[in-house]
C-alpha cells in the first residue's frame, strides 16, 4: 500500500482503515480524506498570499516607514500565520483520528474559513491594489472561497459538529 504525501504529512493506511470500518465510519473517513485533500491543494496558494502580503508590507512605505512597522499591519500578518498553522494542526489531528467525523468537520470548517480570511487579510494588507489582478491575492481569495462549498458547505460541517455534540451529551445523561 502506498502512502499519499502532502504538506500535512501522510495518509497512513487510509484505505486499510476503510476496509475494516462500518458504513458510518467509512463516510467519516471519506469526509476526512476529502477535507485534508481539499485544504492541501490550496495550501500553496494560501502560503503565496501570505508571502505576497509580507513582502508588500516590507516594501510599501507610508509616513517614511515600511507599513510592516505599523501594528495594524504586523498584527494582521501575525494572525494570518497563526490561523494557517492552527488549521494545519487541526487537520493533522483529524488525520490521526480518521474515524472521527465530527473532528473532520471541525477541521474542514476551521481550516477553510480561515483560509478565506487569510486571503481576505492579504488583500487588506495590500490595500486597493490587492483587489486588482496585479497581485495574486485576489485570485487566491476567489479560489479559496470554493473550499467552503466543495466537499460540504460550512452549514453541513456545522450540522455534523452539532449532531456529534448532542449525541455525546445524550450518552452522558443516560
N, C-alpha and C. Protein backbone atom coordinates (compact mmCIF):
# COMPACT_ATOMS: atom_id res chain seq x y z
N UNK A 1 0.85 -1.18 0.00
CA UNK A 1 0.00 0.00 0.00
C UNK A 1 0.89 1.23 0.00
N UNK A 2 0.66 2.13 -0.91
CA UNK A 2 1.45 3.35 -0.98
C UNK A 2 0.84 4.42 -0.10
N UNK A 3 1.66 5.34 0.31
CA UNK A 3 1.20 6.46 1.13
C UNK A 3 1.11 7.70 0.26
N UNK A 4 0.05 8.46 0.46
CA UNK A 4 -0.11 9.71 -0.26
C UNK A 4 0.51 10.80 0.59
N UNK A 5 1.48 11.55 0.05
CA UNK A 5 2.11 12.59 0.86
C UNK A 5 1.52 13.94 0.53
N UNK A 6 1.60 14.80 1.50
CA UNK A 6 1.10 16.17 1.36
C UNK A 6 1.92 17.05 2.27
N UNK A 7 1.63 18.33 2.26
CA UNK A 7 2.34 19.24 3.15
C UNK A 7 1.94 19.00 4.59
N UNK A 8 0.89 18.23 4.83
CA UNK A 8 0.45 17.95 6.19
C UNK A 8 1.01 16.63 6.71
N UNK A 9 1.73 15.92 5.92
CA UNK A 9 2.27 14.64 6.35
C UNK A 9 1.83 13.55 5.40
N UNK A 10 1.40 12.41 5.94
CA UNK A 10 0.98 11.30 5.09
C UNK A 10 -0.41 10.84 5.49
N UNK A 11 -1.02 10.08 4.62
CA UNK A 11 -2.31 9.45 4.90
C UNK A 11 -2.06 7.97 5.13
N UNK A 12 -1.55 7.62 6.32
CA UNK A 12 -1.13 6.24 6.56
C UNK A 12 -2.31 5.28 6.66
N UNK A 13 -2.33 4.32 5.77
CA UNK A 13 -3.31 3.25 5.86
C UNK A 13 -4.76 3.69 5.74
N UNK A 14 -5.03 4.81 5.10
CA UNK A 14 -6.41 5.29 5.00
C UNK A 14 -7.30 4.25 4.32
N UNK A 15 -6.81 3.64 3.27
CA UNK A 15 -7.59 2.63 2.56
C UNK A 15 -7.79 1.41 3.44
N UNK A 16 -6.77 0.99 4.19
CA UNK A 16 -6.90 -0.16 5.08
C UNK A 16 -7.95 0.08 6.15
N UNK A 17 -7.99 1.31 6.70
CA UNK A 17 -8.98 1.61 7.73
C UNK A 17 -10.38 1.60 7.14
N UNK A 18 -10.54 1.92 5.86
CA UNK A 18 -11.85 1.88 5.22
C UNK A 18 -12.34 0.43 5.11
N UNK A 19 -11.43 -0.51 4.89
CA UNK A 19 -11.80 -1.91 4.70
C UNK A 19 -12.39 -2.53 5.96
N UNK A 20 -11.97 -2.05 7.13
CA UNK A 20 -12.40 -2.66 8.38
C UNK A 20 -13.41 -1.80 9.14
N UNK A 21 -13.96 -0.79 8.52
CA UNK A 21 -14.84 0.14 9.21
C UNK A 21 -16.30 -0.09 8.87
N UNK A 22 -17.16 0.45 9.74
CA UNK A 22 -18.60 0.41 9.49
C UNK A 22 -18.95 1.43 8.41
N UNK A 23 -20.19 1.38 7.96
CA UNK A 23 -20.64 2.30 6.91
C UNK A 23 -20.49 3.76 7.34
N UNK A 24 -20.86 4.08 8.57
CA UNK A 24 -20.75 5.45 9.06
C UNK A 24 -19.28 5.86 9.17
N UNK A 25 -18.45 4.97 9.68
CA UNK A 25 -17.02 5.27 9.77
C UNK A 25 -16.41 5.49 8.40
N UNK A 26 -16.87 4.73 7.42
CA UNK A 26 -16.37 4.90 6.06
C UNK A 26 -16.70 6.29 5.55
N UNK A 27 -17.94 6.73 5.80
CA UNK A 27 -18.33 8.08 5.38
C UNK A 27 -17.45 9.13 6.05
N UNK A 28 -17.19 8.96 7.33
CA UNK A 28 -16.37 9.92 8.06
C UNK A 28 -14.93 9.90 7.56
N UNK A 29 -14.41 8.73 7.25
CA UNK A 29 -13.05 8.64 6.69
C UNK A 29 -12.97 9.35 5.36
N UNK A 30 -14.00 9.16 4.53
CA UNK A 30 -14.02 9.83 3.22
C UNK A 30 -14.10 11.33 3.41
N UNK A 31 -14.96 11.79 4.34
CA UNK A 31 -15.06 13.22 4.63
C UNK A 31 -13.71 13.75 5.10
N UNK A 32 -13.06 13.00 5.96
CA UNK A 32 -11.77 13.41 6.49
C UNK A 32 -10.73 13.51 5.39
N UNK A 33 -10.64 12.49 4.56
CA UNK A 33 -9.66 12.48 3.46
C UNK A 33 -9.96 13.63 2.50
N UNK A 34 -11.23 13.84 2.18
CA UNK A 34 -11.62 14.91 1.27
C UNK A 34 -11.27 16.28 1.85
N UNK A 35 -11.53 16.47 3.14
CA UNK A 35 -11.22 17.75 3.80
C UNK A 35 -9.73 18.03 3.74
N UNK A 36 -8.94 17.04 4.06
CA UNK A 36 -7.49 17.21 4.07
C UNK A 36 -6.98 17.47 2.65
N UNK A 37 -7.46 16.70 1.71
CA UNK A 37 -7.02 16.87 0.32
C UNK A 37 -7.40 18.25 -0.21
N UNK A 38 -8.63 18.68 0.09
CA UNK A 38 -9.10 19.97 -0.40
C UNK A 38 -8.23 21.10 0.14
N UNK A 39 -7.95 21.07 1.44
CA UNK A 39 -7.13 22.12 2.04
C UNK A 39 -5.70 22.06 1.54
N UNK A 40 -5.16 20.85 1.42
CA UNK A 40 -3.78 20.67 1.00
C UNK A 40 -3.56 21.21 -0.41
N UNK A 41 -4.54 21.01 -1.29
CA UNK A 41 -4.43 21.50 -2.66
C UNK A 41 -4.23 23.02 -2.66
N UNK A 42 -4.89 23.71 -1.77
CA UNK A 42 -4.85 25.17 -1.75
C UNK A 42 -3.77 25.74 -0.82
N UNK A 43 -3.05 24.87 -0.13
CA UNK A 43 -2.01 25.32 0.81
C UNK A 43 -0.99 26.23 0.13
N UNK A 44 -0.56 25.86 -1.06
CA UNK A 44 0.45 26.67 -1.74
C UNK A 44 -0.10 28.05 -2.11
N UNK A 45 -1.38 28.10 -2.46
CA UNK A 45 -1.99 29.40 -2.77
C UNK A 45 -2.09 30.27 -1.53
N UNK A 46 -2.49 29.67 -0.43
CA UNK A 46 -2.61 30.42 0.82
C UNK A 46 -1.23 30.91 1.26
N UNK A 47 -0.23 30.06 1.17
CA UNK A 47 1.14 30.45 1.50
C UNK A 47 1.61 31.58 0.61
N UNK A 48 1.25 31.52 -0.65
CA UNK A 48 1.64 32.59 -1.57
C UNK A 48 0.99 33.92 -1.18
N UNK A 49 -0.27 33.88 -0.80
CA UNK A 49 -0.96 35.11 -0.37
C UNK A 49 -0.27 35.69 0.85
N UNK A 50 0.12 34.84 1.79
CA UNK A 50 0.83 35.30 2.99
C UNK A 50 2.17 35.91 2.59
N UNK A 51 2.92 35.22 1.74
CA UNK A 51 4.23 35.71 1.30
C UNK A 51 4.13 37.05 0.58
N UNK A 52 3.13 37.18 -0.29
CA UNK A 52 2.94 38.44 -1.02
C UNK A 52 2.63 39.57 -0.04
N UNK A 53 1.75 39.30 0.94
CA UNK A 53 1.39 40.32 1.92
C UNK A 53 2.60 40.75 2.75
N UNK A 54 3.41 39.79 3.15
CA UNK A 54 4.60 40.11 3.94
C UNK A 54 5.58 40.94 3.11
N UNK A 55 5.86 40.49 1.89
CA UNK A 55 6.80 41.21 1.03
C UNK A 55 6.30 42.62 0.73
N UNK A 56 5.03 42.74 0.40
CA UNK A 56 4.45 44.05 0.09
C UNK A 56 4.54 44.98 1.31
N UNK A 57 4.27 44.44 2.49
CA UNK A 57 4.30 45.27 3.70
C UNK A 57 5.72 45.74 4.03
N UNK A 58 6.72 45.00 3.57
CA UNK A 58 8.11 45.43 3.79
C UNK A 58 8.53 46.50 2.77
N UNK A 59 7.94 46.46 1.58
CA UNK A 59 8.32 47.39 0.52
C UNK A 59 7.49 48.67 0.51
N UNK A 60 6.22 48.59 0.87
CA UNK A 60 5.32 49.75 0.82
C UNK A 60 5.65 50.71 1.94
N UNK A 61 5.89 51.96 1.59
CA UNK A 61 6.27 52.98 2.58
C UNK A 61 5.14 54.00 2.71
N UNK A 62 4.80 54.28 3.95
CA UNK A 62 3.85 55.33 4.30
C UNK A 62 4.41 56.09 5.50
N UNK A 63 4.32 57.39 5.47
CA UNK A 63 4.84 58.22 6.55
C UNK A 63 6.32 57.92 6.83
N UNK A 64 7.06 57.70 5.75
CA UNK A 64 8.50 57.45 5.76
C UNK A 64 8.90 56.16 6.48
N UNK A 65 7.97 55.21 6.58
CA UNK A 65 8.25 53.92 7.22
C UNK A 65 7.57 52.81 6.42
N UNK A 66 8.21 51.63 6.34
CA UNK A 66 7.52 50.49 5.72
C UNK A 66 6.26 50.17 6.53
N UNK A 67 5.18 49.81 5.86
CA UNK A 67 3.93 49.58 6.59
C UNK A 67 4.00 48.37 7.53
N UNK A 68 5.00 47.49 7.36
CA UNK A 68 5.15 46.36 8.28
C UNK A 68 5.51 46.83 9.69
N UNK A 69 5.97 48.07 9.82
CA UNK A 69 6.31 48.60 11.14
C UNK A 69 5.09 49.10 11.90
N UNK A 70 3.95 49.17 11.24
CA UNK A 70 2.72 49.58 11.90
C UNK A 70 2.02 48.34 12.46
N UNK A 71 1.58 48.42 13.72
CA UNK A 71 0.97 47.27 14.37
C UNK A 71 -0.28 46.78 13.66
N UNK A 72 -1.03 47.68 13.07
CA UNK A 72 -2.23 47.27 12.35
C UNK A 72 -1.93 46.27 11.26
N UNK A 73 -0.79 46.42 10.62
CA UNK A 73 -0.38 45.50 9.54
C UNK A 73 0.33 44.29 10.12
N UNK A 74 1.29 44.52 11.01
CA UNK A 74 2.08 43.40 11.54
C UNK A 74 1.22 42.45 12.37
N UNK A 75 0.23 42.97 13.09
CA UNK A 75 -0.66 42.10 13.86
C UNK A 75 -1.54 41.28 12.91
N UNK A 76 -1.96 41.87 11.80
CA UNK A 76 -2.76 41.15 10.81
C UNK A 76 -1.96 39.99 10.22
N UNK A 77 -0.69 40.25 9.92
CA UNK A 77 0.18 39.19 9.39
C UNK A 77 0.38 38.10 10.44
N UNK A 78 0.54 38.48 11.69
CA UNK A 78 0.70 37.50 12.77
C UNK A 78 -0.55 36.61 12.87
N UNK A 79 -1.72 37.20 12.75
CA UNK A 79 -2.97 36.43 12.79
C UNK A 79 -3.07 35.50 11.58
N UNK A 80 -2.64 35.97 10.42
CA UNK A 80 -2.68 35.13 9.22
C UNK A 80 -1.84 33.87 9.41
N UNK A 81 -0.64 34.05 9.90
CA UNK A 81 0.27 32.90 10.12
C UNK A 81 -0.30 31.98 11.20
N UNK A 82 -0.80 32.55 12.28
CA UNK A 82 -1.36 31.75 13.38
C UNK A 82 -2.54 30.93 12.90
N UNK A 83 -3.45 31.54 12.16
CA UNK A 83 -4.63 30.81 11.66
C UNK A 83 -4.23 29.72 10.67
N UNK A 84 -3.25 29.99 9.84
CA UNK A 84 -2.78 28.99 8.89
C UNK A 84 -2.19 27.78 9.63
N UNK A 85 -1.34 28.03 10.59
CA UNK A 85 -0.72 26.94 11.35
C UNK A 85 -1.74 26.18 12.18
N UNK A 86 -2.71 26.89 12.77
CA UNK A 86 -3.76 26.23 13.56
C UNK A 86 -4.61 25.33 12.67
N UNK A 87 -4.92 25.80 11.47
CA UNK A 87 -5.69 24.98 10.53
C UNK A 87 -4.94 23.72 10.15
N UNK A 88 -3.65 23.85 9.88
CA UNK A 88 -2.84 22.68 9.55
C UNK A 88 -2.79 21.70 10.72
N UNK A 89 -2.65 22.22 11.94
CA UNK A 89 -2.58 21.36 13.13
C UNK A 89 -3.89 20.60 13.35
N UNK A 90 -5.01 21.29 13.18
CA UNK A 90 -6.30 20.64 13.36
C UNK A 90 -6.54 19.59 12.28
N UNK A 91 -6.13 19.88 11.07
CA UNK A 91 -6.25 18.87 10.01
C UNK A 91 -5.36 17.67 10.29
N UNK A 92 -4.17 17.91 10.83
CA UNK A 92 -3.27 16.81 11.17
C UNK A 92 -3.88 15.95 12.27
N UNK A 93 -4.48 16.58 13.27
CA UNK A 93 -5.14 15.83 14.34
C UNK A 93 -6.28 15.01 13.76
N UNK A 94 -7.03 15.60 12.85
CA UNK A 94 -8.12 14.90 12.20
C UNK A 94 -7.60 13.71 11.41
N UNK A 95 -6.47 13.88 10.77
CA UNK A 95 -5.84 12.80 10.02
C UNK A 95 -5.48 11.63 10.94
N UNK A 96 -5.06 11.94 12.15
CA UNK A 96 -4.69 10.90 13.10
C UNK A 96 -5.89 10.18 13.71
N UNK A 97 -7.10 10.74 13.52
CA UNK A 97 -8.34 10.15 14.03
C UNK A 97 -9.34 10.07 12.88
N UNK A 98 -9.01 9.26 11.89
CA UNK A 98 -9.77 9.20 10.64
C UNK A 98 -11.25 8.88 10.83
N UNK A 99 -11.58 8.11 11.86
CA UNK A 99 -12.96 7.67 12.04
C UNK A 99 -13.84 8.74 12.69
N UNK A 100 -13.26 9.82 13.16
CA UNK A 100 -14.00 10.86 13.88
C UNK A 100 -14.53 11.91 12.90
N UNK A 101 -15.76 11.72 12.47
CA UNK A 101 -16.38 12.64 11.50
C UNK A 101 -16.59 14.03 12.05
N UNK A 102 -16.89 14.11 13.33
CA UNK A 102 -17.08 15.42 13.96
C UNK A 102 -15.78 16.22 13.92
N UNK A 103 -14.68 15.58 14.22
CA UNK A 103 -13.37 16.24 14.18
C UNK A 103 -13.01 16.64 12.74
N UNK A 104 -13.34 15.77 11.79
CA UNK A 104 -13.09 16.09 10.38
C UNK A 104 -13.89 17.32 9.97
N UNK A 105 -15.14 17.40 10.42
CA UNK A 105 -15.98 18.56 10.09
C UNK A 105 -15.42 19.83 10.73
N UNK A 106 -14.96 19.71 11.98
CA UNK A 106 -14.35 20.87 12.65
C UNK A 106 -13.10 21.33 11.90
N UNK A 107 -12.29 20.36 11.49
CA UNK A 107 -11.05 20.69 10.79
C UNK A 107 -11.34 21.38 9.47
N UNK A 108 -12.29 20.85 8.71
CA UNK A 108 -12.62 21.47 7.42
C UNK A 108 -13.20 22.86 7.62
N UNK A 109 -14.13 22.98 8.55
CA UNK A 109 -14.77 24.28 8.81
C UNK A 109 -13.73 25.31 9.22
N UNK A 110 -12.88 24.97 10.17
CA UNK A 110 -11.88 25.91 10.67
C UNK A 110 -10.85 26.26 9.61
N UNK A 111 -10.29 25.24 8.98
CA UNK A 111 -9.22 25.46 8.00
C UNK A 111 -9.71 26.25 6.80
N UNK A 112 -10.87 25.89 6.28
CA UNK A 112 -11.36 26.56 5.06
C UNK A 112 -11.87 27.97 5.34
N UNK A 113 -12.53 28.17 6.47
CA UNK A 113 -12.98 29.51 6.84
C UNK A 113 -11.79 30.42 7.04
N UNK A 114 -10.78 29.91 7.71
CA UNK A 114 -9.59 30.73 7.96
C UNK A 114 -8.74 30.91 6.71
N UNK A 115 -8.76 29.95 5.81
CA UNK A 115 -8.04 30.12 4.54
C UNK A 115 -8.60 31.32 3.79
N UNK A 116 -9.92 31.44 3.77
CA UNK A 116 -10.54 32.59 3.11
C UNK A 116 -10.19 33.88 3.85
N UNK A 117 -10.23 33.84 5.18
CA UNK A 117 -9.90 35.03 5.97
C UNK A 117 -8.45 35.45 5.73
N UNK A 118 -7.56 34.49 5.62
CA UNK A 118 -6.15 34.79 5.35
C UNK A 118 -6.01 35.53 4.03
N UNK A 119 -6.66 35.02 3.01
CA UNK A 119 -6.58 35.68 1.68
C UNK A 119 -7.23 37.05 1.72
N UNK A 120 -8.33 37.18 2.43
CA UNK A 120 -9.00 38.47 2.57
C UNK A 120 -8.10 39.45 3.31
N UNK A 121 -7.42 38.99 4.35
CA UNK A 121 -6.49 39.86 5.09
C UNK A 121 -5.29 40.25 4.22
N UNK A 122 -4.85 39.33 3.37
CA UNK A 122 -3.75 39.66 2.44
C UNK A 122 -4.17 40.79 1.52
N UNK A 123 -5.40 40.74 1.02
CA UNK A 123 -5.92 41.83 0.20
C UNK A 123 -5.92 43.12 1.00
N UNK A 124 -6.33 43.04 2.25
CA UNK A 124 -6.39 44.22 3.12
C UNK A 124 -5.01 44.82 3.32
N UNK A 125 -4.00 43.99 3.51
CA UNK A 125 -2.63 44.48 3.68
C UNK A 125 -2.18 45.24 2.44
N UNK A 126 -2.53 44.72 1.27
CA UNK A 126 -2.14 45.38 0.02
C UNK A 126 -3.00 46.61 -0.29
N UNK A 127 -4.12 46.74 0.37
CA UNK A 127 -5.00 47.87 0.11
C UNK A 127 -5.70 47.70 -1.23
N UNK A 128 -6.03 48.81 -1.87
CA UNK A 128 -6.77 48.78 -3.13
C UNK A 128 -6.12 47.97 -4.22
N UNK A 129 -4.80 47.99 -4.27
CA UNK A 129 -4.08 47.24 -5.32
C UNK A 129 -4.24 45.73 -5.13
N UNK A 130 -4.52 45.31 -3.90
CA UNK A 130 -4.72 43.89 -3.63
C UNK A 130 -5.98 43.32 -4.27
N UNK A 131 -6.90 44.20 -4.59
CA UNK A 131 -8.16 43.79 -5.20
C UNK A 131 -8.05 43.66 -6.72
N UNK A 132 -6.95 44.12 -7.27
CA UNK A 132 -6.74 44.04 -8.71
C UNK A 132 -5.99 42.75 -9.04
N UNK A 133 -5.84 42.48 -10.33
CA UNK A 133 -5.12 41.26 -10.71
C UNK A 133 -3.61 41.50 -10.86
N UNK A 134 -3.13 42.63 -10.38
CA UNK A 134 -1.68 42.89 -10.41
C UNK A 134 -0.96 41.94 -9.44
N UNK A 135 -1.62 41.60 -8.34
CA UNK A 135 -1.06 40.68 -7.35
C UNK A 135 -1.95 39.44 -7.28
N UNK A 136 -1.39 38.29 -6.93
CA UNK A 136 -2.17 37.04 -6.96
C UNK A 136 -3.15 36.87 -5.80
N UNK A 137 -3.20 37.80 -4.87
CA UNK A 137 -4.05 37.60 -3.69
C UNK A 137 -5.53 37.65 -4.02
N UNK A 138 -5.93 38.44 -4.99
CA UNK A 138 -7.36 38.49 -5.34
C UNK A 138 -7.80 37.15 -5.93
N UNK A 139 -6.94 36.53 -6.72
CA UNK A 139 -7.26 35.22 -7.30
C UNK A 139 -7.32 34.16 -6.21
N UNK A 140 -6.40 34.26 -5.27
CA UNK A 140 -6.38 33.32 -4.15
C UNK A 140 -7.70 33.39 -3.37
N UNK A 141 -8.16 34.59 -3.10
CA UNK A 141 -9.41 34.76 -2.36
C UNK A 141 -10.58 34.14 -3.11
N UNK A 142 -10.63 34.33 -4.42
CA UNK A 142 -11.71 33.73 -5.21
C UNK A 142 -11.62 32.21 -5.21
N UNK A 143 -10.42 31.68 -5.39
CA UNK A 143 -10.25 30.23 -5.46
C UNK A 143 -10.49 29.57 -4.11
N UNK A 144 -9.97 30.16 -3.06
CA UNK A 144 -10.09 29.58 -1.73
C UNK A 144 -11.53 29.62 -1.23
N UNK A 145 -12.29 30.58 -1.70
CA UNK A 145 -13.71 30.66 -1.29
C UNK A 145 -14.45 29.37 -1.64
N UNK A 146 -14.04 28.74 -2.71
CA UNK A 146 -14.69 27.48 -3.11
C UNK A 146 -14.46 26.35 -2.12
N UNK A 147 -13.40 26.43 -1.32
CA UNK A 147 -13.14 25.40 -0.30
C UNK A 147 -14.30 25.29 0.67
N UNK A 148 -14.98 26.41 0.90
CA UNK A 148 -16.07 26.42 1.87
C UNK A 148 -17.36 25.86 1.29
N UNK A 149 -17.33 25.52 0.01
CA UNK A 149 -18.52 24.96 -0.64
C UNK A 149 -18.28 23.50 -0.99
N UNK A 150 -17.13 23.22 -1.62
CA UNK A 150 -16.82 21.85 -2.05
C UNK A 150 -16.63 20.92 -0.87
N UNK A 151 -17.00 19.66 -1.06
CA UNK A 151 -16.88 18.60 -0.05
C UNK A 151 -17.67 18.93 1.21
N UNK A 152 -18.74 19.70 1.07
CA UNK A 152 -19.59 20.04 2.20
C UNK A 152 -19.49 21.50 2.58
N UNK A 153 -20.61 22.18 2.56
CA UNK A 153 -20.63 23.61 2.89
C UNK A 153 -20.36 23.82 4.37
N UNK A 154 -20.11 25.06 4.75
CA UNK A 154 -19.92 25.40 6.16
C UNK A 154 -21.11 24.93 7.00
N UNK A 155 -22.31 25.11 6.45
CA UNK A 155 -23.52 24.74 7.19
C UNK A 155 -23.61 23.22 7.41
N UNK A 156 -23.20 22.45 6.41
CA UNK A 156 -23.18 20.99 6.57
C UNK A 156 -22.16 20.60 7.65
N UNK A 157 -21.00 21.24 7.64
CA UNK A 157 -19.99 20.94 8.65
C UNK A 157 -20.51 21.28 10.05
N UNK A 158 -21.18 22.41 10.18
CA UNK A 158 -21.76 22.80 11.48
C UNK A 158 -22.83 21.80 11.91
N UNK A 159 -23.60 21.31 10.96
CA UNK A 159 -24.62 20.32 11.26
C UNK A 159 -23.97 19.04 11.81
N UNK A 160 -22.93 18.57 11.17
CA UNK A 160 -22.23 17.37 11.62
C UNK A 160 -21.65 17.59 13.02
N UNK A 161 -21.07 18.75 13.25
CA UNK A 161 -20.48 19.07 14.55
C UNK A 161 -21.54 19.08 15.64
N UNK A 162 -22.65 19.79 15.41
CA UNK A 162 -23.68 19.89 16.45
C UNK A 162 -24.33 18.54 16.72
N UNK A 163 -24.49 17.72 15.69
CA UNK A 163 -25.04 16.37 15.91
C UNK A 163 -24.13 15.57 16.83
N UNK A 164 -22.83 15.67 16.59
CA UNK A 164 -21.87 14.96 17.44
C UNK A 164 -21.88 15.45 18.87
N UNK A 165 -22.00 16.76 19.04
CA UNK A 165 -22.04 17.34 20.39
C UNK A 165 -23.26 16.84 21.15
N UNK A 166 -24.43 16.91 20.52
CA UNK A 166 -25.65 16.49 21.21
C UNK A 166 -25.71 14.98 21.42
N UNK A 167 -25.11 14.21 20.51
CA UNK A 167 -25.04 12.77 20.68
C UNK A 167 -24.19 12.44 21.91
N UNK A 168 -23.08 13.16 22.09
CA UNK A 168 -22.20 12.93 23.24
C UNK A 168 -22.90 13.30 24.54
N UNK A 169 -23.62 14.43 24.56
CA UNK A 169 -24.30 14.84 25.79
C UNK A 169 -25.44 13.89 26.14
N UNK A 170 -26.12 13.31 25.14
CA UNK A 170 -27.17 12.34 25.40
C UNK A 170 -26.60 11.08 26.02
N UNK A 171 -25.46 10.64 25.55
CA UNK A 171 -24.85 9.43 26.10
C UNK A 171 -24.37 9.65 27.53
N UNK A 172 -24.00 10.88 27.87
CA UNK A 172 -23.58 11.20 29.25
C UNK A 172 -24.78 11.23 30.19
N UNK A 173 -25.94 11.63 29.68
CA UNK A 173 -27.14 11.71 30.51
C UNK A 173 -27.72 10.34 30.81
N UNK A 174 -27.49 9.38 29.93
CA UNK A 174 -28.07 8.03 30.12
C UNK A 174 -27.25 7.18 30.99
